[in-house]
Amino acid sequence: MWLVLIAALGGAAIAGAVVFEMTRPSSKPEVTAPTGSVPMTMPVTPSLGNSPAYTPAPPGEAPPGKVWSPEHGHWHDITPGMPQ
């Protein structure tokens, strides 16, 4: 008889814990955009087909010892073996 009573109380405790866990509010608040906010946009850089973003070199000659990097959009030092 005592065994049945203990088993019933244990089952009720487990069921209560499950119901409590399922119905309690989430600990993480929902993140929403402020009212009237403007969506952020990224600047569009021209690209060459499937290649990464491409920035054309500025007009004129390259500075001495430099080569234009279209992927990075600035001048890099020339390194030995680097295509020019």
PDB file of N, CA and C in Angstrom:
ATOM      1  N   MET A   1       0.824  -1.184   0.000  1.00  0.00           N
ATOM      2  CA  MET A   1       0.000   0.000   0.000  1.00  0.00           C
ATOM      3  C   MET A   1       0.874   1.255   0.000  1.00  0.00           C
ATOM      4  N   TRP A   2       1.911   1.264   0.866  1.00  0.00           N
ATOM      5  CA  TRP A   2       2.796   2.421   0.920  1.00  0.00           C
ATOM      6  C   TRP A   2       3.544   2.604  -0.406  1.00  0.00           C
ATOM      7  N   LEU A   3       3.900   1.524  -1.015  1.00  0.00           N
ATOM      8  CA  LEU A   3       4.622   1.585  -2.285  1.00  0.00           C
ATOM      9  C   LEU A   3       3.767   2.247  -3.359  1.00  0.00           C
ATOM     10  N   VAL A   4       2.493   1.925  -3.403  1.00  0.00           N
ATOM     11  CA  VAL A   4       1.580   2.526  -4.382  1.00  0.00           C
ATOM     12  C   VAL A   4       1.440   4.015  -4.117  1.00  0.00           C
ATOM     13  N   LEU A   5       1.320   4.410  -2.851  1.00  0.00           N
ATOM     14  CA  LEU A   5       1.183   5.811  -2.480  1.00  0.00           C
ATOM     15  C   LEU A   5       2.450   6.591  -2.866  1.00  0.00           C
ATOM     16  N   ILE A   6       3.621   6.049  -2.589  1.00  0.00           N
ATOM     17  CA  ILE A   6       4.889   6.709  -2.934  1.00  0.00           C
ATOM     18  C   ILE A   6       5.024   6.839  -4.452  1.00  0.00           C
ATOM     19  N   ALA A   7       4.672   5.792  -5.175  1.00  0.00           N
ATOM     20  CA  ALA A   7       4.746   5.835  -6.638  1.00  0.00           C
ATOM     21  C   ALA A   7       3.792   6.888  -7.194  1.00  0.00           C
ATOM     22  N   ALA A   8       2.595   6.986  -6.647  1.00  0.00           N
ATOM     23  CA  ALA A   8       1.621   7.977  -7.114  1.00  0.00           C
ATOM     24  C   ALA A   8       2.109   9.395  -6.837  1.00  0.00           C
ATOM     25  N   LEU A   9       2.672   9.634  -5.660  1.00  0.00           N
ATOM     26  CA  LEU A   9       3.183  10.966  -5.325  1.00  0.00           C
ATOM     27  C   LEU A   9       4.373  11.336  -6.208  1.00  0.00           C
ATOM     28  N   GLY A  10       5.238  10.372  -6.469  1.00  0.00           N
ATOM     29  CA  GLY A  10       6.384  10.621  -7.355  1.00  0.00           C
ATOM     30  C   GLY A  10       5.932  10.948  -8.768  1.00  0.00           C
ATOM     31  N   GLY A  11       4.948  10.211  -9.267  1.00  0.00           N
ATOM     32  CA  GLY A  11       4.413  10.474 -10.610  1.00  0.00           C
ATOM     33  C   GLY A  11       3.766  11.844 -10.689  1.00  0.00           C
ATOM     34  N   ALA A  12       3.030  12.225  -9.635  1.00  0.00           N
ATOM     35  CA  ALA A  12       2.390  13.543  -9.613  1.00  0.00           C
ATOM     36  C   ALA A  12       3.444  14.649  -9.578  1.00  0.00           C
ATOM     37  N   ALA A  13       4.525  14.446  -8.844  1.00  0.00           N
ATOM     38  CA  ALA A  13       5.591  15.445  -8.774  1.00  0.00           C
ATOM     39  C   ALA A  13       6.262  15.621 -10.137  1.00  0.00           C
ATOM     40  N   ILE A  14       6.519  14.523 -10.800  1.00  0.00           N
ATOM     41  CA  ILE A  14       7.148  14.589 -12.127  1.00  0.00           C
ATOM     42  C   ILE A  14       6.221  15.271 -13.122  1.00  0.00           C
ATOM     43  N   ALA A  15       4.942  14.908 -13.116  1.00  0.00           N
ATOM     44  CA  ALA A  15       3.968  15.516 -14.025  1.00  0.00           C
ATOM     45  C   ALA A  15       3.858  17.016 -13.752  1.00  0.00           C
ATOM     46  N   GLY A  16       3.835  17.393 -12.490  1.00  0.00           N
ATOM     47  CA  GLY A  16       3.761  18.815 -12.146  1.00  0.00           C
ATOM     48  C   GLY A  16       4.971  19.584 -12.637  1.00  0.00           C
ATOM     49  N   ALA A  17       6.164  18.993 -12.526  1.00  0.00           N
ATOM     50  CA  ALA A  17       7.379  19.650 -12.995  1.00  0.00           C
ATOM     51  C   ALA A  17       7.350  19.827 -14.508  1.00  0.00           C
ATOM     52  N   VAL A  18       6.858  18.830 -15.211  1.00  0.00           N
ATOM     53  CA  VAL A  18       6.766  18.907 -16.669  1.00  0.00           C
ATOM     54  C   VAL A  18       5.800  20.008 -17.079  1.00  0.00           C
ATOM     55  N   VAL A  19       4.625  20.050 -16.441  1.00  0.00           N
ATOM     56  CA  VAL A  19       3.629  21.076 -16.771  1.00  0.00           C
ATOM     57  C   VAL A  19       4.192  22.461 -16.455  1.00  0.00           C
ATOM     58  N   PHE A  20       4.864  22.611 -15.319  1.00  0.00           N
ATOM     59  CA  PHE A  20       5.450  23.891 -14.940  1.00  0.00           C
ATOM     60  C   PHE A  20       6.474  24.338 -15.982  1.00  0.00           C
ATOM     61  N   GLU A  21       7.341  23.440 -16.416  1.00  0.00           N
ATOM     62  CA  GLU A  21       8.391  23.772 -17.381  1.00  0.00           C
ATOM     63  C   GLU A  21       7.791  24.183 -18.726  1.00  0.00           C
ATOM     64  N   MET A  22       6.702  23.533 -19.113  1.00  0.00           N
ATOM     65  CA  MET A  22       6.080  23.831 -20.408  1.00  0.00           C
ATOM     66  C   MET A  22       5.319  25.154 -20.388  1.00  0.00           C
ATOM     67  N   THR A  23       4.846  25.593 -19.240  1.00  0.00           N
ATOM     68  CA  THR A  23       4.002  26.788 -19.187  1.00  0.00           C
ATOM     69  C   THR A  23       4.727  28.028 -18.682  1.00  0.00           C
ATOM     70  N   ARG A  24       5.951  27.911 -18.181  1.00  0.00           N
ATOM     71  CA  ARG A  24       6.631  29.094 -17.659  1.00  0.00           C
ATOM     72  C   ARG A  24       7.095  29.970 -18.812  1.00  0.00           C
ATOM     73  N   PRO A  25       7.168  31.285 -18.576  1.00  0.00           N
ATOM     74  CA  PRO A  25       7.603  32.190 -19.638  1.00  0.00           C
ATOM     75  C   PRO A  25       9.055  31.932 -20.022  1.00  0.00           C
ATOM     76  N   SER A  26       9.375  32.235 -21.255  1.00  0.00           N
ATOM     77  CA  SER A  26      10.733  32.043 -21.754  1.00  0.00           C
ATOM     78  C   SER A  26      11.677  32.992 -21.045  1.00  0.00           C
ATOM     79  N   SER A  27      12.901  32.535 -20.792  1.00  0.00           N
ATOM     80  CA  SER A  27      13.882  33.383 -20.126  1.00  0.00           C
ATOM     81  C   SER A  27      14.540  34.348 -21.104  1.00  0.00           C
ATOM     82  N   LYS A  28      14.370  34.116 -22.416  1.00  0.00           N
ATOM     83  CA  LYS A  28      14.960  34.992 -23.417  1.00  0.00           C
ATOM     84  C   LYS A  28      13.878  35.929 -23.958  1.00  0.00           C
ATOM     85  N   PRO A  29      14.058  37.240 -23.811  1.00  0.00           N
ATOM     86  CA  PRO A  29      13.051  38.159 -24.344  1.00  0.00           C
ATOM     87  C   PRO A  29      13.104  38.176 -25.869  1.00  0.00           C
ATOM     88  N   GLU A  30      11.973  38.446 -26.488  1.00  0.00           N
ATOM     89  CA  GLU A  30      11.937  38.545 -27.939  1.00  0.00           C
ATOM     90  C   GLU A  30      12.575  39.860 -28.352  1.00  0.00           C
ATOM     91  N   VAL A  31      13.356  39.811 -29.420  1.00  0.00           N
ATOM     92  CA  VAL A  31      13.996  41.013 -29.928  1.00  0.00           C
ATOM     93  C   VAL A  31      13.194  41.484 -31.130  1.00  0.00           C
ATOM     94  N   THR A  32      12.721  42.710 -31.058  1.00  0.00           N
ATOM     95  CA  THR A  32      11.959  43.282 -32.166  1.00  0.00           C
ATOM     96  C   THR A  32      12.584  44.606 -32.568  1.00  0.00           C
ATOM     97  N   ALA A  33      12.345  45.010 -33.797  1.00  0.00           N
ATOM     98  CA  ALA A  33      12.863  46.292 -34.274  1.00  0.00           C
ATOM     99  C   ALA A  33      12.030  47.411 -33.672  1.00  0.00           C
ATOM    100  N   PRO A  34      12.661  48.529 -33.366  1.00  0.00           N
ATOM    101  CA  PRO A  34      11.897  49.656 -32.840  1.00  0.00           C
ATOM    102  C   PRO A  34      10.865  50.135 -33.849  1.00  0.00           C
ATOM    103  N   THR A  35       9.772  50.654 -33.364  1.00  0.00           N
ATOM    104  CA  THR A  35       8.712  51.146 -34.243  1.00  0.00           C
ATOM    105  C   THR A  35       9.237  52.322 -35.046  1.00  0.00           C
ATOM    106  N   GLY A  36       8.926  52.325 -36.331  1.00  0.00           N
ATOM    107  CA  GLY A  36       9.346  53.422 -37.193  1.00  0.00           C
ATOM    108  C   GLY A  36      10.803  53.364 -37.601  1.00  0.00           C
ATOM    109  N   SER A  37      11.457  52.220 -37.380  1.00  0.00           N
ATOM    110  CA  SER A  37      12.874  52.129 -37.742  1.00  0.00           C
ATOM    111  C   SER A  37      13.018  51.968 -39.252  1.00  0.00           C
ATOM    112  N   VAL A  38      14.156  52.383 -39.750  1.00  0.00           N
ATOM    113  CA  VAL A  38      14.456  52.270 -41.169  1.00  0.00           C
ATOM    114  C   VAL A  38      15.305  51.029 -41.371  1.00  0.00           C
ATOM    115  N   PRO A  39      14.932  50.153 -42.308  1.00  0.00           N
ATOM    116  CA  PRO A  39      15.755  48.951 -42.519  1.00  0.00           C
ATOM    117  C   PRO A  39      17.146  49.332 -43.000  1.00  0.00           C
ATOM    118  N   MET A  40      18.141  48.585 -42.509  1.00  0.00           N
ATOM    119  CA  MET A  40      19.519  48.848 -42.916  1.00  0.00           C
ATOM    120  C   MET A  40      19.764  48.253 -44.297  1.00  0.00           C
ATOM    121  N   THR A  41      20.515  48.963 -45.111  1.00  0.00           N
ATOM    122  CA  THR A  41      20.877  48.448 -46.429  1.00  0.00           C
ATOM    123  C   THR A  41      22.386  48.450 -46.553  1.00  0.00           C
ATOM    124  N   MET A  42      22.891  47.522 -47.322  1.00  0.00           N
ATOM    125  CA  MET A  42      24.322  47.438 -47.572  1.00  0.00           C
ATOM    126  C   MET A  42      24.613  48.108 -48.909  1.00  0.00           C
ATOM    127  N   PRO A  43      25.737  48.845 -49.022  1.00  0.00           N
ATOM    128  CA  PRO A  43      26.071  49.425 -50.310  1.00  0.00           C
ATOM    129  C   PRO A  43      26.363  48.325 -51.325  1.00  0.00           C
ATOM    130  N   VAL A  44      25.966  48.550 -52.531  1.00  0.00           N
ATOM    131  CA  VAL A  44      26.167  47.556 -53.587  1.00  0.00           C
ATOM    132  C   VAL A  44      27.463  47.867 -54.306  1.00  0.00           C
ATOM    133  N   THR A  45      28.351  46.891 -54.378  1.00  0.00           N
ATOM    134  CA  THR A  45      29.606  47.025 -55.097  1.00  0.00           C
ATOM    135  C   THR A  45      29.491  46.215 -56.374  1.00  0.00           C
ATOM    136  N   PRO A  46      29.885  46.790 -57.501  1.00  0.00           N
ATOM    137  CA  PRO A  46      29.799  46.007 -58.737  1.00  0.00           C
ATOM    138  C   PRO A  46      30.585  44.710 -58.611  1.00  0.00           C
ATOM    139  N   SER A  47      30.103  43.662 -59.237  1.00  0.00           N
ATOM    140  CA  SER A  47      30.823  42.389 -59.183  1.00  0.00           C
ATOM    141  C   SER A  47      31.023  41.853 -60.588  1.00  0.00           C
ATOM    142  N   LEU A  48      31.961  40.959 -60.720  1.00  0.00           N
ATOM    143  CA  LEU A  48      32.248  40.324 -62.003  1.00  0.00           C
ATOM    144  C   LEU A  48      31.745  38.898 -61.971  1.00  0.00           C
ATOM    145  N   GLY A  49      30.536  38.672 -62.437  1.00  0.00           N
ATOM    146  CA  GLY A  49      29.972  37.320 -62.467  1.00  0.00           C
ATOM    147  C   GLY A  49      29.914  36.699 -61.092  1.00  0.00           C
ATOM    148  N   ASN A  50      30.551  35.535 -60.941  1.00  0.00           N
ATOM    149  CA  ASN A  50      30.558  34.823 -59.664  1.00  0.00           C
ATOM    150  C   ASN A  50      31.764  35.184 -58.801  1.00  0.00           C
ATOM    151  N   SER A  51      32.580  36.143 -59.252  1.00  0.00           N
ATOM    152  CA  SER A  51      33.768  36.499 -58.482  1.00  0.00           C
ATOM    153  C   SER A  51      33.380  37.361 -57.279  1.00  0.00           C
ATOM    154  N   PRO A  52      34.295  37.514 -56.322  1.00  0.00           N
ATOM    155  CA  PRO A  52      33.996  38.364 -55.172  1.00  0.00           C
ATOM    156  C   PRO A  52      33.834  39.822 -55.601  1.00  0.00           C
ATOM    157  N   ALA A  53      33.442  40.667 -54.675  1.00  0.00           N
ATOM    158  CA  ALA A  53      33.247  42.080 -54.977  1.00  0.00           C
ATOM    159  C   ALA A  53      34.477  42.644 -55.677  1.00  0.00           C
ATOM    160  N   TYR A  54      34.263  43.554 -56.608  1.00  0.00           N
ATOM    161  CA  TYR A  54      35.343  44.099 -57.417  1.00  0.00           C
ATOM    162  C   TYR A  54      35.274  45.613 -57.348  1.00  0.00           C
ATOM    163  N   THR A  55      36.376  46.246 -56.983  1.00  0.00           N
ATOM    164  CA  THR A  55      36.465  47.698 -56.968  1.00  0.00           C
ATOM    165  C   THR A  55      37.502  48.100 -57.994  1.00  0.00           C
ATOM    166  N   PRO A  56      37.121  48.907 -58.995  1.00  0.00           N
ATOM    167  CA  PRO A  56      38.100  49.284 -60.018  1.00  0.00           C
ATOM    168  C   PRO A  56      39.185  50.187 -59.439  1.00  0.00           C
ATOM    169  N   ALA A  57      40.353  50.127 -60.050  1.00  0.00           N
ATOM    170  CA  ALA A  57      41.483  50.953 -59.606  1.00  0.00           C
ATOM    171  C   ALA A  57      41.179  52.417 -59.895  1.00  0.00           C
ATOM    172  N   PRO A  58      41.678  53.309 -59.054  1.00  0.00           N
ATOM    173  CA  PRO A  58      41.500  54.734 -59.343  1.00  0.00           C
ATOM    174  C   PRO A  58      42.279  55.117 -60.599  1.00  0.00           C
ATOM    175  N   PRO A  59      41.905  56.222 -61.229  1.00  0.00           N
ATOM    176  CA  PRO A  59      42.612  56.617 -62.460  1.00  0.00           C
ATOM    177  C   PRO A  59      44.068  56.984 -62.169  1.00  0.00           C
ATOM    178  N   GLY A  60      44.891  56.829 -63.179  1.00  0.00           N
ATOM    179  CA  GLY A  60      46.300  57.196 -63.052  1.00  0.00           C
ATOM    180  C   GLY A  60      47.191  55.992 -62.813  1.00  0.00           C
ATOM    181  N   GLU A  61      48.474  56.297 -62.644  1.00  0.00           N
ATOM    182  CA  GLU A  61      49.480  55.258 -62.444  1.00  0.00           C
ATOM    183  C   GLU A  61      49.483  54.765 -61.007  1.00  0.00           C
ATOM    184  N   ALA A  62      49.927  53.517 -60.825  1.00  0.00           N
ATOM    185  CA  ALA A  62      50.076  52.957 -59.482  1.00  0.00           C
ATOM    186  C   ALA A  62      51.245  53.625 -58.773  1.00  0.00           C
ATOM    187  N   PRO A  63      51.142  53.832 -57.470  1.00  0.00           N
ATOM    188  CA  PRO A  63      52.296  54.354 -56.737  1.00  0.00           C
ATOM    189  C   PRO A  63      53.465  53.373 -56.851  1.00  0.00           C
ATOM    190  N   PRO A  64      54.697  53.850 -56.759  1.00  0.00           N
ATOM    191  CA  PRO A  64      55.863  52.959 -56.880  1.00  0.00           C
ATOM    192  C   PRO A  64      55.800  51.812 -55.868  1.00  0.00           C
ATOM    193  N   GLY A  65      56.002  50.574 -56.372  1.00  0.00           N
ATOM    194  CA  GLY A  65      56.030  49.398 -55.509  1.00  0.00           C
ATOM    195  C   GLY A  65      54.662  48.918 -55.052  1.00  0.00           C
ATOM    196  N   LYS A  66      53.608  49.436 -55.674  1.00  0.00           N
ATOM    197  CA  LYS A  66      52.251  49.071 -55.267  1.00  0.00           C
ATOM    198  C   LYS A  66      51.504  48.430 -56.414  1.00  0.00           C
ATOM    199  N   VAL A  67      50.513  47.614 -56.079  1.00  0.00           N
ATOM    200  CA  VAL A  67      49.619  47.013 -57.051  1.00  0.00           C
ATOM    201  C   VAL A  67      48.200  47.137 -56.491  1.00  0.00           C
ATOM    202  N   TRP A  68      47.227  47.382 -57.373  1.00  0.00           N
ATOM    203  CA  TRP A  68      45.841  47.553 -56.958  1.00  0.00           C
ATOM    204  C   TRP A  68      45.202  46.206 -56.629  1.00  0.00           C
ATOM    205  N   SER A  69      44.472  46.140 -55.537  1.00  0.00           N
ATOM    206  CA  SER A  69      43.740  44.934 -55.162  1.00  0.00           C
ATOM    207  C   SER A  69      42.247  45.194 -55.362  1.00  0.00           C
ATOM    208  N   PRO A  70      41.662  44.666 -56.443  1.00  0.00           N
ATOM    209  CA  PRO A  70      40.236  44.919 -56.677  1.00  0.00           C
ATOM    210  C   PRO A  70      39.352  44.275 -55.615  1.00  0.00           C
ATOM    211  N   GLU A  71      39.810  43.179 -55.012  1.00  0.00           N
ATOM    212  CA  GLU A  71      39.014  42.509 -53.983  1.00  0.00           C
ATOM    213  C   GLU A  71      38.954  43.328 -52.703  1.00  0.00           C
ATOM    214  N   HIS A  72      40.054  44.026 -52.384  1.00  0.00           N
ATOM    215  CA  HIS A  72      40.123  44.791 -51.137  1.00  0.00           C
ATOM    216  C   HIS A  72      39.857  46.273 -51.340  1.00  0.00           C
ATOM    217  N   GLY A  73      39.990  46.746 -52.589  1.00  0.00           N
ATOM    218  CA  GLY A  73      39.700  48.139 -52.887  1.00  0.00           C
ATOM    219  C   GLY A  73      40.785  49.110 -52.447  1.00  0.00           C
ATOM    220  N   HIS A  74      42.043  48.665 -52.391  1.00  0.00           N
ATOM    221  CA  HIS A  74      43.148  49.563 -52.060  1.00  0.00           C
ATOM    222  C   HIS A  74      44.459  49.009 -52.614  1.00  0.00           C
ATOM    223  N   TRP A  75      45.514  49.833 -52.509  1.00  0.00           N
ATOM    224  CA  TRP A  75      46.832  49.444 -53.005  1.00  0.00           C
ATOM    225  C   TRP A  75      47.522  48.497 -52.019  1.00  0.00           C
ATOM    226  N   HIS A  76      48.238  47.507 -52.568  1.00  0.00           N
ATOM    227  CA  HIS A  76      49.048  46.566 -51.779  1.00  0.00           C
ATOM    228  C   HIS A  76      50.496  46.682 -52.233  1.00  0.00           C
ATOM    229  N   ASP A  77      51.409  46.342 -51.345  1.00  0.00           N
ATOM    230  CA  ASP A  77      52.827  46.269 -51.725  1.00  0.00           C
ATOM    231  C   ASP A  77      53.009  45.114 -52.701  1.00  0.00           C
ATOM    232  N   ILE A  78      53.871  45.326 -53.707  1.00  0.00           N
ATOM    233  CA  ILE A  78      54.181  44.257 -54.641  1.00  0.00           C
ATOM    234  C   ILE A  78      55.092  43.272 -53.937  1.00  0.00           C
ATOM    235  N   THR A  79      54.755  41.998 -54.014  1.00  0.00           N
ATOM    236  CA  THR A  79      55.590  40.951 -53.436  1.00  0.00           C
ATOM    237  C   THR A  79      56.173  40.107 -54.566  1.00  0.00           C
ATOM    238  N   PRO A  80      57.373  39.555 -54.382  1.00  0.00           N
ATOM    239  CA  PRO A  80      57.989  38.743 -55.441  1.00  0.00           C
ATOM    240  C   PRO A  80      57.055  37.597 -55.865  1.00  0.00           C
ATOM    241  N   GLY A  81      56.956  37.378 -57.161  1.00  0.00           N
ATOM    242  CA  GLY A  81      56.134  36.297 -57.707  1.00  0.00           C
ATOM    243  C   GLY A  81      54.671  36.668 -57.851  1.00  0.00           C
ATOM    244  N   MET A  82      54.301  37.865 -57.451  1.00  0.00           N
ATOM    245  CA  MET A  82      52.901  38.296 -57.530  1.00  0.00           C
ATOM    246  C   MET A  82      52.597  38.776 -58.953  1.00  0.00           C
ATOM    247  N   PRO A  83      51.490  38.342 -59.554  1.00  0.00           N
ATOM    248  CA  PRO A  83      51.144  38.845 -60.895  1.00  0.00           C
ATOM    249  C   PRO A  83      50.815  40.335 -60.820  1.00  0.00           C
ATOM    250  N   GLN A  84      51.209  41.056 -61.863  1.00  0.00           N
ATOM    251  CA  GLN A  84      50.954  42.511 -61.859  1.00  0.00           C
ATOM    252  C   GLN A  84      49.985  42.907 -62.932  1.00  0.00           C
TER     253      GLN A  84
END
